[in-house]
Amino acid sequence: MKLDTKQLKEALAGMEKERLRISNIIFTLEEVPKIKAAIGKYFKYLNSYSTKEKWWMFIHVKKMKKNELIIDVFERDTSGKIEFQIGRRDYGRIYINNPSYVEITKQEYFNTLKKILRSVDKQFKNK
């Protein structure tokens, strides 16, 4: 049987499509339950801009939508820049067995958030 380049490319594309289908099934069976376990949890991560200066980034894993986590994130870097990301889409694998993401209590998360919000409020009141 003689195959030309076009036939080989078509066969390869079909195999790649099947590989992706099987990969998605494996992800759904193995990874999704682990990722779902992070829903409702709170984490902090020691963040940086690839410099020596580091600060905590706080994460609340809210829900899962189409194999992605929906998270809220806030942080204040060492220069005082404050960033909030509400409803950010995230793939979630980073929270699974990753010591860089430290699970924290809901109380620690919200106490830190309140502290940042009070400092912002104070800055605006002093102007």
N, C-alpha and C. Protein backbone atom coordinates (compact mmCIF):
# COMPACT_ATOMS: atom_id res chain seq x y z
N MET A 1 0.85 -1.18 0.00
CA MET A 1 0.00 0.00 0.00
C MET A 1 0.89 1.24 0.00
N LYS A 2 0.67 2.09 -0.96
CA LYS A 2 1.47 3.30 -1.08
C LYS A 2 0.68 4.48 -0.52
N LEU A 3 1.30 5.21 0.38
CA LEU A 3 0.67 6.39 0.98
C LEU A 3 1.41 7.64 0.53
N ASP A 4 0.65 8.66 0.24
CA ASP A 4 1.30 9.92 -0.09
C ASP A 4 1.32 10.83 1.14
N THR A 5 1.99 11.93 1.01
CA THR A 5 2.14 12.87 2.12
C THR A 5 0.79 13.37 2.63
N LYS A 6 -0.13 13.64 1.73
CA LYS A 6 -1.44 14.14 2.13
C LYS A 6 -2.18 13.11 3.00
N GLN A 7 -2.12 11.86 2.60
CA GLN A 7 -2.77 10.81 3.38
C GLN A 7 -2.13 10.66 4.76
N LEU A 8 -0.83 10.74 4.80
CA LEU A 8 -0.12 10.63 6.09
C LEU A 8 -0.48 11.79 7.01
N LYS A 9 -0.55 12.98 6.45
CA LYS A 9 -0.92 14.15 7.27
C LYS A 9 -2.34 14.02 7.78
N GLU A 10 -3.25 13.54 6.96
CA GLU A 10 -4.64 13.33 7.40
C GLU A 10 -4.71 12.28 8.50
N ALA A 11 -3.96 11.20 8.33
CA ALA A 11 -3.93 10.16 9.36
C ALA A 11 -3.37 10.71 10.67
N LEU A 12 -2.31 11.49 10.57
CA LEU A 12 -1.70 12.09 11.75
C LEU A 12 -2.67 13.05 12.45
N ALA A 13 -3.39 13.85 11.68
CA ALA A 13 -4.37 14.77 12.26
C ALA A 13 -5.46 13.99 12.98
N GLY A 14 -5.90 12.88 12.41
CA GLY A 14 -6.91 12.04 13.06
C GLY A 14 -6.40 11.46 14.37
N MET A 15 -5.15 11.02 14.36
CA MET A 15 -4.54 10.48 15.59
C MET A 15 -4.40 11.56 16.66
N GLU A 16 -4.03 12.75 16.26
CA GLU A 16 -3.89 13.85 17.22
C GLU A 16 -5.24 14.20 17.83
N LYS A 17 -6.28 14.20 17.00
CA LYS A 17 -7.63 14.47 17.50
C LYS A 17 -8.03 13.41 18.53
N GLU A 18 -7.74 12.17 18.25
CA GLU A 18 -8.06 11.07 19.17
C GLU A 18 -7.22 11.17 20.44
N ARG A 19 -5.94 11.54 20.31
CA ARG A 19 -5.08 11.71 21.49
C ARG A 19 -5.64 12.79 22.41
N LEU A 20 -6.10 13.90 21.83
CA LEU A 20 -6.68 14.98 22.63
C LEU A 20 -7.97 14.53 23.32
N ARG A 21 -8.79 13.75 22.61
CA ARG A 21 -10.03 13.24 23.20
C ARG A 21 -9.73 12.35 24.40
N ILE A 22 -8.77 11.45 24.25
CA ILE A 22 -8.39 10.55 25.34
C ILE A 22 -7.76 11.34 26.48
N SER A 23 -6.92 12.31 26.15
CA SER A 23 -6.29 13.15 27.17
C SER A 23 -7.35 13.89 28.00
N ASN A 24 -8.39 14.39 27.35
CA ASN A 24 -9.47 15.07 28.07
C ASN A 24 -10.23 14.12 28.98
N ILE A 25 -10.42 12.89 28.56
CA ILE A 25 -11.09 11.90 29.40
C ILE A 25 -10.25 11.61 30.64
N ILE A 26 -8.95 11.42 30.43
CA ILE A 26 -8.05 11.17 31.56
C ILE A 26 -8.05 12.35 32.52
N PHE A 27 -7.99 13.57 31.98
CA PHE A 27 -8.03 14.78 32.82
C PHE A 27 -9.31 14.80 33.65
N THR A 28 -10.43 14.52 33.01
CA THR A 28 -11.72 14.53 33.72
C THR A 28 -11.75 13.48 34.82
N LEU A 29 -11.23 12.30 34.55
CA LEU A 29 -11.27 11.22 35.54
C LEU A 29 -10.27 11.40 36.67
N GLU A 30 -9.08 11.91 36.36
CA GLU A 30 -8.02 11.99 37.36
C GLU A 30 -7.85 13.36 38.00
N GLU A 31 -7.87 14.41 37.21
CA GLU A 31 -7.52 15.74 37.72
C GLU A 31 -8.71 16.53 38.24
N VAL A 32 -9.84 16.45 37.57
CA VAL A 32 -11.00 17.27 37.97
C VAL A 32 -11.39 17.03 39.43
N PRO A 33 -11.46 15.77 39.90
CA PRO A 33 -11.80 15.59 41.33
C PRO A 33 -10.81 16.26 42.28
N LYS A 34 -9.52 16.24 41.91
CA LYS A 34 -8.51 16.89 42.75
C LYS A 34 -8.69 18.40 42.73
N ILE A 35 -8.96 18.95 41.56
CA ILE A 35 -9.14 20.39 41.43
C ILE A 35 -10.40 20.83 42.17
N LYS A 36 -11.47 20.05 42.06
CA LYS A 36 -12.72 20.38 42.75
C LYS A 36 -12.52 20.42 44.26
N ALA A 37 -11.57 19.64 44.76
CA ALA A 37 -11.30 19.63 46.20
C ALA A 37 -10.82 20.98 46.71
N ALA A 38 -10.32 21.84 45.81
CA ALA A 38 -9.84 23.17 46.21
C ALA A 38 -10.98 24.18 46.33
N ILE A 39 -12.17 23.86 45.82
CA ILE A 39 -13.29 24.81 45.86
C ILE A 39 -13.65 25.12 47.31
N GLY A 40 -13.79 26.42 47.58
CA GLY A 40 -14.14 26.88 48.92
C GLY A 40 -12.93 27.10 49.82
N LYS A 41 -11.76 26.78 49.34
CA LYS A 41 -10.55 26.92 50.15
C LYS A 41 -9.87 28.26 49.88
N TYR A 42 -8.98 28.61 50.80
CA TYR A 42 -8.23 29.86 50.75
C TYR A 42 -6.75 29.53 50.78
N PHE A 43 -5.98 30.28 50.00
CA PHE A 43 -4.54 30.05 49.91
C PHE A 43 -3.80 31.38 49.94
N LYS A 44 -2.52 31.28 50.28
CA LYS A 44 -1.63 32.43 50.07
C LYS A 44 -0.39 31.91 49.38
N TYR A 45 0.19 32.79 48.58
CA TYR A 45 1.34 32.43 47.76
C TYR A 45 2.35 33.57 47.85
N LEU A 46 3.60 33.22 48.08
CA LEU A 46 4.65 34.22 48.18
C LEU A 46 5.03 34.66 46.77
N ASN A 47 4.60 35.85 46.40
CA ASN A 47 4.72 36.35 45.04
C ASN A 47 5.92 37.29 44.91
N SER A 48 6.33 37.56 43.67
CA SER A 48 7.41 38.51 43.41
C SER A 48 7.37 38.87 41.93
N TYR A 49 8.10 39.87 41.57
CA TYR A 49 8.29 40.23 40.16
C TYR A 49 9.64 39.70 39.69
N SER A 50 9.95 38.48 40.05
CA SER A 50 11.25 37.86 39.76
C SER A 50 12.39 38.68 40.36
N THR A 51 12.13 39.22 41.53
CA THR A 51 13.16 39.96 42.24
C THR A 51 13.30 39.37 43.64
N LYS A 52 14.16 39.96 44.45
CA LYS A 52 14.32 39.49 45.83
C LYS A 52 13.15 39.89 46.71
N GLU A 53 12.44 40.95 46.32
CA GLU A 53 11.31 41.43 47.11
C GLU A 53 10.12 40.50 46.94
N LYS A 54 9.51 40.11 48.05
CA LYS A 54 8.39 39.16 48.01
C LYS A 54 7.26 39.65 48.90
N TRP A 55 6.04 39.25 48.56
CA TRP A 55 4.85 39.59 49.32
C TRP A 55 3.84 38.48 49.13
N TRP A 56 2.81 38.47 49.97
CA TRP A 56 1.79 37.43 49.89
C TRP A 56 0.68 37.83 48.92
N MET A 57 0.31 36.88 48.09
CA MET A 57 -0.88 36.99 47.25
C MET A 57 -1.91 36.05 47.87
N PHE A 58 -3.14 36.52 48.02
CA PHE A 58 -4.19 35.74 48.66
C PHE A 58 -5.23 35.29 47.64
N ILE A 59 -5.65 34.04 47.73
CA ILE A 59 -6.53 33.44 46.74
C ILE A 59 -7.71 32.77 47.43
N HIS A 60 -8.90 33.02 46.92
CA HIS A 60 -10.10 32.29 47.35
C HIS A 60 -10.63 31.54 46.14
N VAL A 61 -10.69 30.22 46.23
CA VAL A 61 -11.21 29.39 45.14
C VAL A 61 -12.72 29.30 45.32
N LYS A 62 -13.46 29.91 44.39
CA LYS A 62 -14.91 30.05 44.56
C LYS A 62 -15.73 28.92 43.97
N LYS A 63 -15.46 28.57 42.71
CA LYS A 63 -16.26 27.52 42.06
C LYS A 63 -15.54 27.01 40.84
N MET A 64 -16.14 26.01 40.21
CA MET A 64 -15.58 25.46 38.99
C MET A 64 -16.59 25.63 37.87
N LYS A 65 -16.08 26.05 36.71
CA LYS A 65 -16.93 26.27 35.55
C LYS A 65 -16.17 25.77 34.32
N LYS A 66 -16.70 24.77 33.66
CA LYS A 66 -16.07 24.20 32.45
C LYS A 66 -14.60 23.84 32.67
N ASN A 67 -14.34 23.07 33.69
CA ASN A 67 -12.98 22.60 34.03
C ASN A 67 -12.00 23.71 34.37
N GLU A 68 -12.52 24.90 34.69
CA GLU A 68 -11.68 25.99 35.17
C GLU A 68 -12.21 26.45 36.52
N LEU A 69 -11.30 26.83 37.39
CA LEU A 69 -11.71 27.39 38.66
C LEU A 69 -11.96 28.88 38.49
N ILE A 70 -12.91 29.38 39.25
CA ILE A 70 -13.16 30.82 39.33
C ILE A 70 -12.64 31.25 40.70
N ILE A 71 -11.69 32.18 40.68
CA ILE A 71 -11.03 32.58 41.92
C ILE A 71 -11.07 34.10 42.09
N ASP A 72 -10.95 34.52 43.34
CA ASP A 72 -10.72 35.92 43.67
C ASP A 72 -9.30 36.01 44.21
N VAL A 73 -8.59 37.05 43.82
CA VAL A 73 -7.20 37.22 44.20
C VAL A 73 -6.98 38.67 44.63
N PHE A 74 -6.20 38.86 45.68
CA PHE A 74 -5.75 40.21 46.02
C PHE A 74 -4.33 40.13 46.54
N GLU A 75 -3.63 41.26 46.39
CA GLU A 75 -2.26 41.35 46.86
C GLU A 75 -1.85 42.81 46.97
N ARG A 76 -0.86 43.06 47.82
CA ARG A 76 -0.23 44.38 47.91
C ARG A 76 1.27 44.12 47.84
N ASP A 77 1.90 44.64 46.79
CA ASP A 77 3.32 44.36 46.63
C ASP A 77 4.15 45.25 47.55
N THR A 78 5.45 45.09 47.49
CA THR A 78 6.34 45.81 48.41
C THR A 78 6.38 47.31 48.14
N SER A 79 5.95 47.74 46.95
CA SER A 79 5.90 49.17 46.66
C SER A 79 4.55 49.79 47.07
N GLY A 80 3.64 48.94 47.53
CA GLY A 80 2.33 49.44 47.96
C GLY A 80 1.24 49.29 46.91
N LYS A 81 1.59 48.81 45.72
CA LYS A 81 0.59 48.60 44.68
C LYS A 81 -0.39 47.51 45.12
N ILE A 82 -1.68 47.81 45.05
CA ILE A 82 -2.72 46.87 45.45
C ILE A 82 -3.46 46.41 44.20
N GLU A 83 -3.67 45.12 44.10
CA GLU A 83 -4.36 44.56 42.94
C GLU A 83 -5.43 43.59 43.40
N PHE A 84 -6.62 43.73 42.80
CA PHE A 84 -7.73 42.82 43.04
C PHE A 84 -8.12 42.19 41.71
N GLN A 85 -8.35 40.90 41.71
CA GLN A 85 -8.86 40.20 40.54
C GLN A 85 -10.06 39.38 41.00
N ILE A 86 -11.24 39.78 40.61
CA ILE A 86 -12.46 39.13 41.04
C ILE A 86 -12.98 38.27 39.89
N GLY A 87 -13.25 37.00 40.19
CA GLY A 87 -13.78 36.11 39.17
C GLY A 87 -12.78 35.69 38.10
N ARG A 88 -11.51 35.66 38.45
CA ARG A 88 -10.47 35.27 37.48
C ARG A 88 -10.58 33.78 37.17
N ARG A 89 -10.42 33.44 35.90
CA ARG A 89 -10.43 32.04 35.49
C ARG A 89 -9.05 31.45 35.72
N ASP A 90 -9.01 30.22 36.23
CA ASP A 90 -7.75 29.60 36.60
C ASP A 90 -7.88 28.08 36.38
N TYR A 91 -6.83 27.44 35.93
CA TYR A 91 -6.89 26.00 35.67
C TYR A 91 -6.77 25.16 36.93
N GLY A 92 -6.25 25.71 38.01
CA GLY A 92 -6.33 25.07 39.31
C GLY A 92 -5.31 24.02 39.65
N ARG A 93 -4.57 23.52 38.70
CA ARG A 93 -3.62 22.46 39.02
C ARG A 93 -2.55 22.93 40.01
N ILE A 94 -2.30 24.21 40.04
CA ILE A 94 -1.24 24.73 40.91
C ILE A 94 -1.54 24.53 42.39
N TYR A 95 -2.80 24.39 42.76
CA TYR A 95 -3.15 24.26 44.17
C TYR A 95 -3.01 22.83 44.67
N ILE A 96 -2.84 21.88 43.76
CA ILE A 96 -2.79 20.47 44.13
C ILE A 96 -1.37 20.08 44.50
N ASN A 97 -1.18 19.71 45.76
CA ASN A 97 0.11 19.24 46.24
C ASN A 97 1.26 20.18 45.88
N ASN A 98 1.03 21.47 45.99
CA ASN A 98 2.07 22.45 45.68
C ASN A 98 2.37 23.23 46.95
N PRO A 99 3.52 22.99 47.55
CA PRO A 99 3.84 23.67 48.82
C PRO A 99 3.99 25.17 48.70
N SER A 100 4.10 25.70 47.50
CA SER A 100 4.18 27.16 47.32
C SER A 100 2.85 27.83 47.64
N TYR A 101 1.76 27.08 47.54
CA TYR A 101 0.42 27.59 47.86
C TYR A 101 0.04 27.05 49.22
N VAL A 102 0.03 27.93 50.20
CA VAL A 102 -0.22 27.56 51.57
C VAL A 102 -1.71 27.73 51.87
N GLU A 103 -2.36 26.66 52.27
CA GLU A 103 -3.77 26.78 52.62
C GLU A 103 -3.90 27.57 53.92
N ILE A 104 -4.84 28.51 53.93
CA ILE A 104 -5.07 29.36 55.11
C ILE A 104 -6.55 29.32 55.47
N THR A 105 -6.87 29.91 56.59
CA THR A 105 -8.27 29.94 57.03
C THR A 105 -9.00 31.09 56.35
N LYS A 106 -10.31 30.97 56.33
CA LYS A 106 -11.16 32.04 55.82
C LYS A 106 -10.92 33.31 56.64
N GLN A 107 -10.73 33.15 57.93
CA GLN A 107 -10.50 34.29 58.82
C GLN A 107 -9.21 35.03 58.44
N GLU A 108 -8.14 34.31 58.18
CA GLU A 108 -6.88 34.96 57.80
C GLU A 108 -7.05 35.72 56.48
N TYR A 109 -7.73 35.09 55.53
CA TYR A 109 -7.98 35.72 54.23
C TYR A 109 -8.72 37.04 54.41
N PHE A 110 -9.84 37.00 55.13
CA PHE A 110 -10.65 38.22 55.27
C PHE A 110 -10.04 39.24 56.22
N ASN A 111 -9.30 38.82 57.22
CA ASN A 111 -8.61 39.78 58.09
C ASN A 111 -7.57 40.56 57.29
N THR A 112 -6.85 39.87 56.42
CA THR A 112 -5.85 40.54 55.58
C THR A 112 -6.53 41.48 54.59
N LEU A 113 -7.62 41.03 53.99
CA LEU A 113 -8.37 41.87 53.06
C LEU A 113 -8.88 43.13 53.75
N LYS A 114 -9.43 42.98 54.95
CA LYS A 114 -9.93 44.15 55.70
C LYS A 114 -8.80 45.11 56.03
N LYS A 115 -7.64 44.56 56.37
CA LYS A 115 -6.48 45.41 56.69
C LYS A 115 -6.08 46.25 55.47
N ILE A 116 -6.05 45.64 54.31
CA ILE A 116 -5.71 46.38 53.09
C ILE A 116 -6.76 47.43 52.78
N LEU A 117 -8.03 47.06 52.90
CA LEU A 117 -9.11 48.01 52.61
C LEU A 117 -9.09 49.19 53.59
N ARG A 118 -8.78 48.92 54.87
CA ARG A 118 -8.68 50.01 55.85
C ARG A 118 -7.54 50.96 55.50
N SER A 119 -6.42 50.40 55.03
CA SER A 119 -5.29 51.26 54.68
C SER A 119 -5.63 52.13 53.47
N VAL A 120 -6.38 51.58 52.51
CA VAL A 120 -6.82 52.36 51.36
C VAL A 120 -7.76 53.46 51.80
N ASP A 121 -8.71 53.11 52.65
CA ASP A 121 -9.67 54.08 53.16
C ASP A 121 -8.95 55.21 53.91
N LYS A 122 -7.97 54.85 54.71
CA LYS A 122 -7.21 55.83 55.48
C LYS A 122 -6.44 56.77 54.54
N GLN A 123 -5.84 56.23 53.49
CA GLN A 123 -5.09 57.06 52.54
C GLN A 123 -5.99 58.09 51.88
N PHE A 124 -7.21 57.69 51.49
CA PHE A 124 -8.12 58.60 50.83
C PHE A 124 -8.70 59.64 51.79
N LYS A 125 -8.88 59.26 53.04
CA LYS A 125 -9.39 60.21 54.02
C LYS A 125 -8.36 61.27 54.38
N ASN A 126 -7.09 60.93 54.25
CA ASN A 126 -6.01 61.87 54.58
C ASN A 126 -5.67 62.82 53.44
N LYS A 127 -6.38 62.72 52.34
CA LYS A 127 -6.06 63.60 51.19
C LYS A 127 -7.00 64.78 51.11
